[in-house]
Amino acid sequence: MKAIQEILKKNNYKKINFKVSKTQHLLIKASINGIKGNFILDTGASNSCVGFESIDKFTLKATKSKTKAAGAGATGMFTQEAKENILQLGRWKNTNFSLVIFDLSHVNLALTQHKAKPVDGIIGADILLDGKAIIDYYNHCLYLK
């Protein structure tokens, strides 16, 4: 396995560790606009997002969006968007990061009902595709280029 890690490092991939929660979610720490938060790493989420309650926390400039969100048992949810943010996962950084803002209370309610900690948001496929992601489930790490 070390050979793979060395090859990825030589190809400018950054290693970011994650944890697996009691609910089998992949939990990853990230910073948005320099403020740290806890996120679910979700390969099935098309876009990265945060809850409405995180607008002030991450100093987001929220604007209206015509898009309706769906997922985790909810559909047609009102959304906002925030453009031109800085996202950092470990040593990997995206300096022009857009994200969706919507009601994550149903996600956090489900987590807390299973005695897991609530999250600030979700890191989705937009970031995984942009960073040419490789997920090492066995060693609990994400590689982004």
N, C-alpha and C. Protein backbone atom coordinates (compact mmCIF):
# COMPACT_ATOMS: atom_id res chain seq x y z
N MET A 1 0.82 -1.20 0.00
CA MET A 1 0.00 0.00 0.00
C MET A 1 0.86 1.26 0.00
N LYS A 2 2.04 1.20 0.59
CA LYS A 2 2.91 2.37 0.62
C LYS A 2 3.30 2.80 -0.78
N ALA A 3 3.44 1.84 -1.70
CA ALA A 3 3.80 2.18 -3.07
C ALA A 3 2.73 3.07 -3.71
N ILE A 4 1.46 2.76 -3.46
CA ILE A 4 0.38 3.58 -4.01
C ILE A 4 0.43 4.99 -3.42
N GLN A 5 0.64 5.09 -2.12
CA GLN A 5 0.72 6.41 -1.48
C GLN A 5 1.86 7.23 -2.05
N GLU A 6 3.00 6.60 -2.30
CA GLU A 6 4.15 7.31 -2.86
C GLU A 6 3.89 7.76 -4.29
N ILE A 7 3.24 6.91 -5.08
CA ILE A 7 2.90 7.28 -6.46
C ILE A 7 1.95 8.48 -6.47
N LEU A 8 0.94 8.44 -5.60
CA LEU A 8 -0.02 9.55 -5.53
C LEU A 8 0.68 10.83 -5.09
N LYS A 9 1.57 10.74 -4.13
CA LYS A 9 2.30 11.91 -3.66
C LYS A 9 3.15 12.51 -4.78
N LYS A 10 3.82 11.66 -5.54
CA LYS A 10 4.65 12.12 -6.67
C LYS A 10 3.79 12.78 -7.74
N ASN A 11 2.52 12.40 -7.83
CA ASN A 11 1.60 12.97 -8.80
C ASN A 11 0.78 14.12 -8.22
N ASN A 12 1.29 14.73 -7.17
CA ASN A 12 0.69 15.93 -6.55
C ASN A 12 -0.67 15.72 -5.91
N TYR A 13 -0.95 14.51 -5.46
CA TYR A 13 -2.16 14.26 -4.69
C TYR A 13 -1.90 14.61 -3.23
N LYS A 14 -2.90 15.17 -2.58
CA LYS A 14 -2.84 15.48 -1.15
C LYS A 14 -3.67 14.46 -0.40
N LYS A 15 -3.13 13.97 0.70
CA LYS A 15 -3.80 12.96 1.52
C LYS A 15 -4.60 13.65 2.62
N ILE A 16 -5.88 13.29 2.73
CA ILE A 16 -6.76 13.84 3.76
C ILE A 16 -7.40 12.66 4.49
N ASN A 17 -7.21 12.60 5.79
CA ASN A 17 -7.78 11.51 6.58
C ASN A 17 -9.26 11.77 6.86
N PHE A 18 -10.02 10.70 6.98
CA PHE A 18 -11.40 10.81 7.41
C PHE A 18 -11.66 9.73 8.46
N LYS A 19 -12.79 9.87 9.14
CA LYS A 19 -13.21 8.88 10.13
C LYS A 19 -14.53 8.27 9.68
N VAL A 20 -14.82 7.11 10.18
CA VAL A 20 -16.11 6.46 9.91
C VAL A 20 -16.94 6.58 11.19
N SER A 21 -18.14 7.14 11.05
CA SER A 21 -19.00 7.39 12.21
C SER A 21 -19.72 6.11 12.64
N LYS A 22 -20.42 6.22 13.75
CA LYS A 22 -21.26 5.12 14.24
C LYS A 22 -22.33 4.74 13.21
N THR A 23 -22.71 5.70 12.40
CA THR A 23 -23.74 5.48 11.39
C THR A 23 -23.16 5.06 10.04
N GLN A 24 -21.86 4.78 10.01
CA GLN A 24 -21.14 4.37 8.80
C GLN A 24 -20.98 5.49 7.77
N HIS A 25 -21.15 6.75 8.19
CA HIS A 25 -20.87 7.88 7.32
C HIS A 25 -19.37 8.18 7.38
N LEU A 26 -18.84 8.69 6.28
CA LEU A 26 -17.45 9.13 6.25
C LEU A 26 -17.41 10.58 6.70
N LEU A 27 -16.70 10.84 7.78
CA LEU A 27 -16.63 12.19 8.35
C LEU A 27 -15.27 12.81 8.06
N ILE A 28 -15.31 14.04 7.57
CA ILE A 28 -14.08 14.71 7.19
C ILE A 28 -14.11 16.15 7.70
N LYS A 29 -12.96 16.65 8.10
CA LYS A 29 -12.85 18.04 8.55
C LYS A 29 -12.45 18.90 7.35
N ALA A 30 -13.05 20.07 7.28
CA ALA A 30 -12.76 21.00 6.20
C ALA A 30 -12.87 22.42 6.73
N SER A 31 -12.27 23.35 6.00
CA SER A 31 -12.41 24.76 6.31
C SER A 31 -13.06 25.46 5.14
N ILE A 32 -14.02 26.30 5.44
CA ILE A 32 -14.62 27.17 4.42
C ILE A 32 -14.34 28.59 4.86
N ASN A 33 -13.69 29.34 3.99
CA ASN A 33 -13.31 30.73 4.29
C ASN A 33 -12.52 30.83 5.60
N GLY A 34 -11.69 29.83 5.85
CA GLY A 34 -10.82 29.83 7.02
C GLY A 34 -11.46 29.35 8.31
N ILE A 35 -12.72 28.95 8.26
CA ILE A 35 -13.42 28.48 9.47
C ILE A 35 -13.62 26.97 9.37
N LYS A 36 -13.19 26.26 10.41
CA LYS A 36 -13.25 24.80 10.40
C LYS A 36 -14.65 24.29 10.67
N GLY A 37 -14.94 23.15 10.05
CA GLY A 37 -16.23 22.51 10.25
C GLY A 37 -16.14 21.01 10.04
N ASN A 38 -17.22 20.32 10.37
CA ASN A 38 -17.31 18.87 10.22
C ASN A 38 -18.29 18.55 9.11
N PHE A 39 -17.89 17.63 8.24
CA PHE A 39 -18.67 17.33 7.04
C PHE A 39 -18.77 15.83 6.82
N ILE A 40 -19.81 15.43 6.11
CA ILE A 40 -19.94 14.07 5.61
C ILE A 40 -19.34 14.06 4.21
N LEU A 41 -18.50 13.09 3.94
CA LEU A 41 -17.97 12.88 2.61
C LEU A 41 -18.96 11.96 1.90
N ASP A 42 -19.63 12.47 0.87
CA ASP A 42 -20.75 11.75 0.26
C ASP A 42 -20.58 11.67 -1.25
N THR A 43 -20.17 10.51 -1.74
CA THR A 43 -19.97 10.32 -3.18
C THR A 43 -21.28 10.40 -3.94
N GLY A 44 -22.40 10.22 -3.27
CA GLY A 44 -23.71 10.26 -3.92
C GLY A 44 -24.34 11.64 -3.97
N ALA A 45 -23.73 12.60 -3.30
CA ALA A 45 -24.26 13.97 -3.32
C ALA A 45 -23.65 14.69 -4.52
N SER A 46 -24.48 15.25 -5.37
CA SER A 46 -23.96 15.91 -6.58
C SER A 46 -23.19 17.18 -6.24
N ASN A 47 -23.65 17.91 -5.25
CA ASN A 47 -23.01 19.17 -4.87
C ASN A 47 -22.66 19.20 -3.40
N SER A 48 -21.63 19.94 -3.08
CA SER A 48 -21.29 20.17 -1.68
C SER A 48 -22.26 21.19 -1.12
N CYS A 49 -22.58 21.07 0.16
CA CYS A 49 -23.58 21.95 0.73
C CYS A 49 -23.37 22.15 2.22
N VAL A 50 -24.01 23.19 2.72
CA VAL A 50 -24.08 23.46 4.16
C VAL A 50 -25.51 23.80 4.50
N GLY A 51 -25.83 23.78 5.79
CA GLY A 51 -27.16 24.15 6.25
C GLY A 51 -27.31 25.65 6.37
N PHE A 52 -28.55 26.11 6.37
CA PHE A 52 -28.84 27.55 6.52
C PHE A 52 -28.17 28.13 7.77
N GLU A 53 -28.11 27.33 8.84
CA GLU A 53 -27.53 27.81 10.09
C GLU A 53 -26.03 28.06 9.99
N SER A 54 -25.40 27.61 8.90
CA SER A 54 -23.95 27.79 8.73
C SER A 54 -23.58 29.02 7.91
N ILE A 55 -24.56 29.76 7.43
CA ILE A 55 -24.28 30.96 6.62
C ILE A 55 -23.38 31.92 7.38
N ASP A 56 -23.75 32.25 8.61
CA ASP A 56 -22.94 33.18 9.41
C ASP A 56 -21.62 32.55 9.84
N LYS A 57 -21.67 31.29 10.24
CA LYS A 57 -20.46 30.61 10.72
C LYS A 57 -19.34 30.69 9.69
N PHE A 58 -19.65 30.41 8.42
CA PHE A 58 -18.62 30.37 7.37
C PHE A 58 -18.54 31.68 6.57
N THR A 59 -19.19 32.73 7.06
CA THR A 59 -19.22 34.05 6.41
C THR A 59 -19.53 33.93 4.92
N LEU A 60 -20.66 33.29 4.62
CA LEU A 60 -21.07 33.07 3.24
C LEU A 60 -21.91 34.23 2.73
N LYS A 61 -21.79 34.52 1.45
CA LYS A 61 -22.62 35.52 0.80
C LYS A 61 -23.71 34.76 0.05
N ALA A 62 -24.78 34.47 0.76
CA ALA A 62 -25.87 33.66 0.21
C ALA A 62 -26.72 34.46 -0.76
N THR A 63 -27.04 33.83 -1.89
CA THR A 63 -27.92 34.45 -2.87
C THR A 63 -29.04 33.47 -3.21
N LYS A 64 -30.10 33.99 -3.80
CA LYS A 64 -31.24 33.16 -4.16
C LYS A 64 -30.85 32.15 -5.22
N SER A 65 -31.55 31.04 -5.21
CA SER A 65 -31.33 29.99 -6.20
C SER A 65 -32.68 29.44 -6.64
N LYS A 66 -32.81 29.14 -7.92
CA LYS A 66 -34.04 28.54 -8.43
C LYS A 66 -34.04 27.03 -8.27
N THR A 67 -32.90 26.48 -7.95
CA THR A 67 -32.75 25.03 -7.82
C THR A 67 -33.44 24.52 -6.57
N LYS A 68 -34.11 23.40 -6.68
CA LYS A 68 -34.69 22.72 -5.53
C LYS A 68 -33.82 21.51 -5.22
N ALA A 69 -33.58 21.29 -3.94
CA ALA A 69 -32.73 20.18 -3.52
C ALA A 69 -33.56 18.95 -3.20
N ALA A 70 -32.93 17.79 -3.36
CA ALA A 70 -33.56 16.52 -3.00
C ALA A 70 -32.47 15.60 -2.47
N GLY A 71 -32.85 14.77 -1.53
CA GLY A 71 -31.89 13.79 -1.01
C GLY A 71 -32.23 13.39 0.40
N ALA A 72 -31.73 12.23 0.80
CA ALA A 72 -31.91 11.71 2.16
C ALA A 72 -33.37 11.74 2.59
N GLY A 73 -34.25 11.39 1.67
CA GLY A 73 -35.66 11.28 2.01
C GLY A 73 -36.46 12.57 1.88
N ALA A 74 -35.84 13.64 1.45
CA ALA A 74 -36.55 14.91 1.30
C ALA A 74 -36.45 15.37 -0.15
N THR A 75 -37.51 16.03 -0.64
CA THR A 75 -37.50 16.54 -2.01
C THR A 75 -38.06 17.94 -2.05
N GLY A 76 -37.73 18.67 -3.13
CA GLY A 76 -38.30 19.99 -3.37
C GLY A 76 -37.92 21.04 -2.33
N MET A 77 -36.75 20.89 -1.73
CA MET A 77 -36.34 21.83 -0.67
C MET A 77 -35.79 23.13 -1.27
N PHE A 78 -36.18 24.23 -0.67
CA PHE A 78 -35.70 25.56 -1.03
C PHE A 78 -34.19 25.62 -0.82
N THR A 79 -33.48 26.24 -1.76
CA THR A 79 -32.02 26.37 -1.63
C THR A 79 -31.57 27.80 -1.86
N GLN A 80 -30.37 28.06 -1.39
CA GLN A 80 -29.64 29.26 -1.74
C GLN A 80 -28.28 28.79 -2.23
N GLU A 81 -27.48 29.71 -2.74
CA GLU A 81 -26.13 29.34 -3.16
C GLU A 81 -25.15 30.39 -2.67
N ALA A 82 -23.91 29.97 -2.55
CA ALA A 82 -22.83 30.89 -2.15
C ALA A 82 -21.65 30.60 -3.07
N LYS A 83 -21.21 31.62 -3.78
CA LYS A 83 -20.11 31.47 -4.73
C LYS A 83 -18.85 32.13 -4.19
N GLU A 84 -17.73 31.81 -4.84
CA GLU A 84 -16.43 32.43 -4.56
C GLU A 84 -15.98 32.27 -3.11
N ASN A 85 -16.02 31.03 -2.63
CA ASN A 85 -15.54 30.71 -1.29
C ASN A 85 -14.22 29.96 -1.39
N ILE A 86 -13.54 29.85 -0.28
CA ILE A 86 -12.29 29.09 -0.21
C ILE A 86 -12.56 27.84 0.60
N LEU A 87 -12.33 26.69 -0.01
CA LEU A 87 -12.49 25.40 0.65
C LEU A 87 -11.11 24.78 0.84
N GLN A 88 -10.85 24.30 2.04
CA GLN A 88 -9.60 23.60 2.29
C GLN A 88 -9.87 22.30 3.01
N LEU A 89 -9.33 21.22 2.44
CA LEU A 89 -9.37 19.89 3.04
C LEU A 89 -7.92 19.47 3.21
N GLY A 90 -7.44 19.45 4.44
CA GLY A 90 -6.02 19.16 4.67
C GLY A 90 -5.18 20.22 3.97
N ARG A 91 -4.26 19.78 3.11
CA ARG A 91 -3.40 20.71 2.35
C ARG A 91 -3.96 21.00 0.97
N TRP A 92 -5.12 20.42 0.61
CA TRP A 92 -5.75 20.66 -0.68
C TRP A 92 -6.67 21.87 -0.56
N LYS A 93 -6.62 22.75 -1.57
CA LYS A 93 -7.41 23.98 -1.50
C LYS A 93 -8.07 24.29 -2.83
N ASN A 94 -9.31 24.78 -2.77
CA ASN A 94 -10.04 25.30 -3.92
C ASN A 94 -10.41 26.73 -3.58
N THR A 95 -9.90 27.68 -4.36
CA THR A 95 -10.09 29.10 -4.02
C THR A 95 -11.28 29.75 -4.73
N ASN A 96 -12.05 28.97 -5.48
CA ASN A 96 -13.25 29.51 -6.12
C ASN A 96 -14.36 28.46 -6.00
N PHE A 97 -14.77 28.22 -4.78
CA PHE A 97 -15.66 27.13 -4.43
C PHE A 97 -17.08 27.65 -4.26
N SER A 98 -18.02 26.99 -4.96
CA SER A 98 -19.44 27.32 -4.82
C SER A 98 -20.13 26.19 -4.06
N LEU A 99 -21.11 26.55 -3.27
CA LEU A 99 -21.85 25.50 -2.58
C LEU A 99 -23.31 25.84 -2.47
N VAL A 100 -24.08 24.80 -2.23
CA VAL A 100 -25.53 24.91 -2.09
C VAL A 100 -25.83 25.04 -0.59
N ILE A 101 -26.80 25.86 -0.27
CA ILE A 101 -27.23 26.04 1.12
C ILE A 101 -28.68 25.59 1.20
N PHE A 102 -28.96 24.68 2.10
CA PHE A 102 -30.34 24.24 2.28
C PHE A 102 -30.53 23.68 3.69
N ASP A 103 -31.74 23.28 4.01
CA ASP A 103 -32.08 22.81 5.34
C ASP A 103 -31.50 21.42 5.57
N LEU A 104 -30.48 21.33 6.42
CA LEU A 104 -29.85 20.06 6.76
C LEU A 104 -30.38 19.49 8.07
N SER A 105 -31.44 20.06 8.60
CA SER A 105 -31.91 19.63 9.91
C SER A 105 -32.34 18.16 9.90
N HIS A 106 -32.91 17.67 8.80
CA HIS A 106 -33.32 16.26 8.74
C HIS A 106 -32.11 15.33 8.79
N VAL A 107 -30.98 15.75 8.20
CA VAL A 107 -29.75 14.96 8.25
C VAL A 107 -29.22 14.93 9.68
N ASN A 108 -29.13 16.10 10.31
CA ASN A 108 -28.59 16.17 11.66
C ASN A 108 -29.52 15.53 12.69
N LEU A 109 -30.81 15.58 12.46
CA LEU A 109 -31.75 14.89 13.36
C LEU A 109 -31.50 13.38 13.31
N ALA A 110 -31.34 12.85 12.11
CA ALA A 110 -31.07 11.42 11.96
C ALA A 110 -29.76 11.04 12.63
N LEU A 111 -28.75 11.88 12.48
CA LEU A 111 -27.45 11.59 13.11
C LEU A 111 -27.57 11.60 14.64
N THR A 112 -28.20 12.61 15.19
CA THR A 112 -28.29 12.72 16.65
C THR A 112 -29.18 11.62 17.24
N GLN A 113 -30.17 11.17 16.48
CA GLN A 113 -31.01 10.06 16.96
C GLN A 113 -30.20 8.77 17.08
N HIS A 114 -29.11 8.68 16.33
CA HIS A 114 -28.22 7.52 16.41
C HIS A 114 -26.99 7.83 17.26
N LYS A 115 -27.10 8.88 18.09
CA LYS A 115 -26.04 9.30 19.00
C LYS A 115 -24.74 9.65 18.28
N ALA A 116 -24.87 10.16 17.06
CA ALA A 116 -23.73 10.66 16.30
C ALA A 116 -23.77 12.19 16.34
N LYS A 117 -22.63 12.81 16.14
CA LYS A 117 -22.56 14.27 16.17
C LYS A 117 -23.13 14.87 14.89
N PRO A 118 -23.79 16.03 15.01
CA PRO A 118 -24.30 16.72 13.81
C PRO A 118 -23.13 17.24 12.97
N VAL A 119 -23.41 17.54 11.70
CA VAL A 119 -22.40 18.04 10.78
C VAL A 119 -22.79 19.43 10.28
N ASP A 120 -21.79 20.14 9.77
CA ASP A 120 -22.03 21.46 9.18
C ASP A 120 -22.47 21.36 7.73
N GLY A 121 -22.11 20.25 7.08
CA GLY A 121 -22.45 20.12 5.68
C GLY A 121 -21.97 18.82 5.08
N ILE A 122 -21.98 18.82 3.75
CA ILE A 122 -21.63 17.63 2.98
C ILE A 122 -20.63 18.02 1.90
N ILE A 123 -19.59 17.21 1.77
CA ILE A 123 -18.64 17.36 0.66
C ILE A 123 -19.09 16.36 -0.39
N GLY A 124 -19.45 16.87 -1.57
CA GLY A 124 -20.05 16.03 -2.59
C GLY A 124 -19.17 15.78 -3.80
N ALA A 125 -19.81 15.23 -4.83
CA ALA A 125 -19.11 14.82 -6.04
C ALA A 125 -18.48 15.99 -6.79
N ASP A 126 -19.00 17.20 -6.62
CA ASP A 126 -18.38 18.35 -7.30
C ASP A 126 -16.92 18.48 -6.90
N ILE A 127 -16.63 18.35 -5.63
CA ILE A 127 -15.25 18.45 -5.14
C ILE A 127 -14.47 17.19 -5.49
N LEU A 128 -15.10 16.04 -5.37
CA LEU A 128 -14.41 14.78 -5.68
C LEU A 128 -13.99 14.73 -7.15
N LEU A 129 -14.84 15.21 -8.03
CA LEU A 129 -14.50 15.25 -9.46
C LEU A 129 -13.42 16.30 -9.73
N ASP A 130 -13.58 17.47 -9.15
CA ASP A 130 -12.60 18.55 -9.35
C ASP A 130 -11.21 18.14 -8.87
N GLY A 131 -11.16 17.43 -7.76
CA GLY A 131 -9.88 17.02 -7.19
C GLY A 131 -9.39 15.67 -7.66
N LYS A 132 -10.07 15.09 -8.68
CA LYS A 132 -9.69 13.76 -9.20
C LYS A 132 -9.52 12.77 -8.05
N ALA A 133 -10.53 12.69 -7.22
CA ALA A 133 -10.49 11.96 -5.95
C ALA A 133 -10.21 10.47 -6.09
N ILE A 134 -9.44 10.00 -5.14
CA ILE A 134 -9.24 8.57 -4.93
C ILE A 134 -9.52 8.33 -3.45
N ILE A 135 -10.46 7.43 -3.18
CA ILE A 135 -10.83 7.15 -1.79
C ILE A 135 -10.26 5.80 -1.39
N ASP A 136 -9.48 5.80 -0.34
CA ASP A 136 -8.90 4.58 0.23
C ASP A 136 -9.73 4.25 1.47
N TYR A 137 -10.75 3.42 1.28
CA TYR A 137 -11.66 3.09 2.37
C TYR A 137 -10.95 2.31 3.48
N TYR A 138 -10.06 1.42 3.11
CA TYR A 138 -9.38 0.58 4.10
C TYR A 138 -8.54 1.41 5.06
N ASN A 139 -7.80 2.39 4.53
CA ASN A 139 -6.93 3.23 5.35
C ASN A 139 -7.57 4.55 5.78
N HIS A 140 -8.85 4.72 5.46
CA HIS A 140 -9.62 5.91 5.84
C HIS A 140 -8.95 7.21 5.39
N CYS A 141 -8.64 7.29 4.11
CA CYS A 141 -8.09 8.54 3.61
C CYS A 141 -8.58 8.83 2.19
N LEU A 142 -8.66 10.10 1.91
CA LEU A 142 -9.07 10.64 0.63
C LEU A 142 -7.85 11.29 0.00
N TYR A 143 -7.66 11.10 -1.28
CA TYR A 143 -6.58 11.76 -2.00
C TYR A 143 -7.19 12.70 -3.03
N LEU A 144 -6.75 13.96 -3.04
CA LEU A 144 -7.21 14.96 -4.00
C LEU A 144 -6.01 15.57 -4.69
N LYS A 145 -6.16 15.81 -5.99
CA LYS A 145 -5.08 16.40 -6.79
C LYS A 145 -5.38 17.86 -7.04
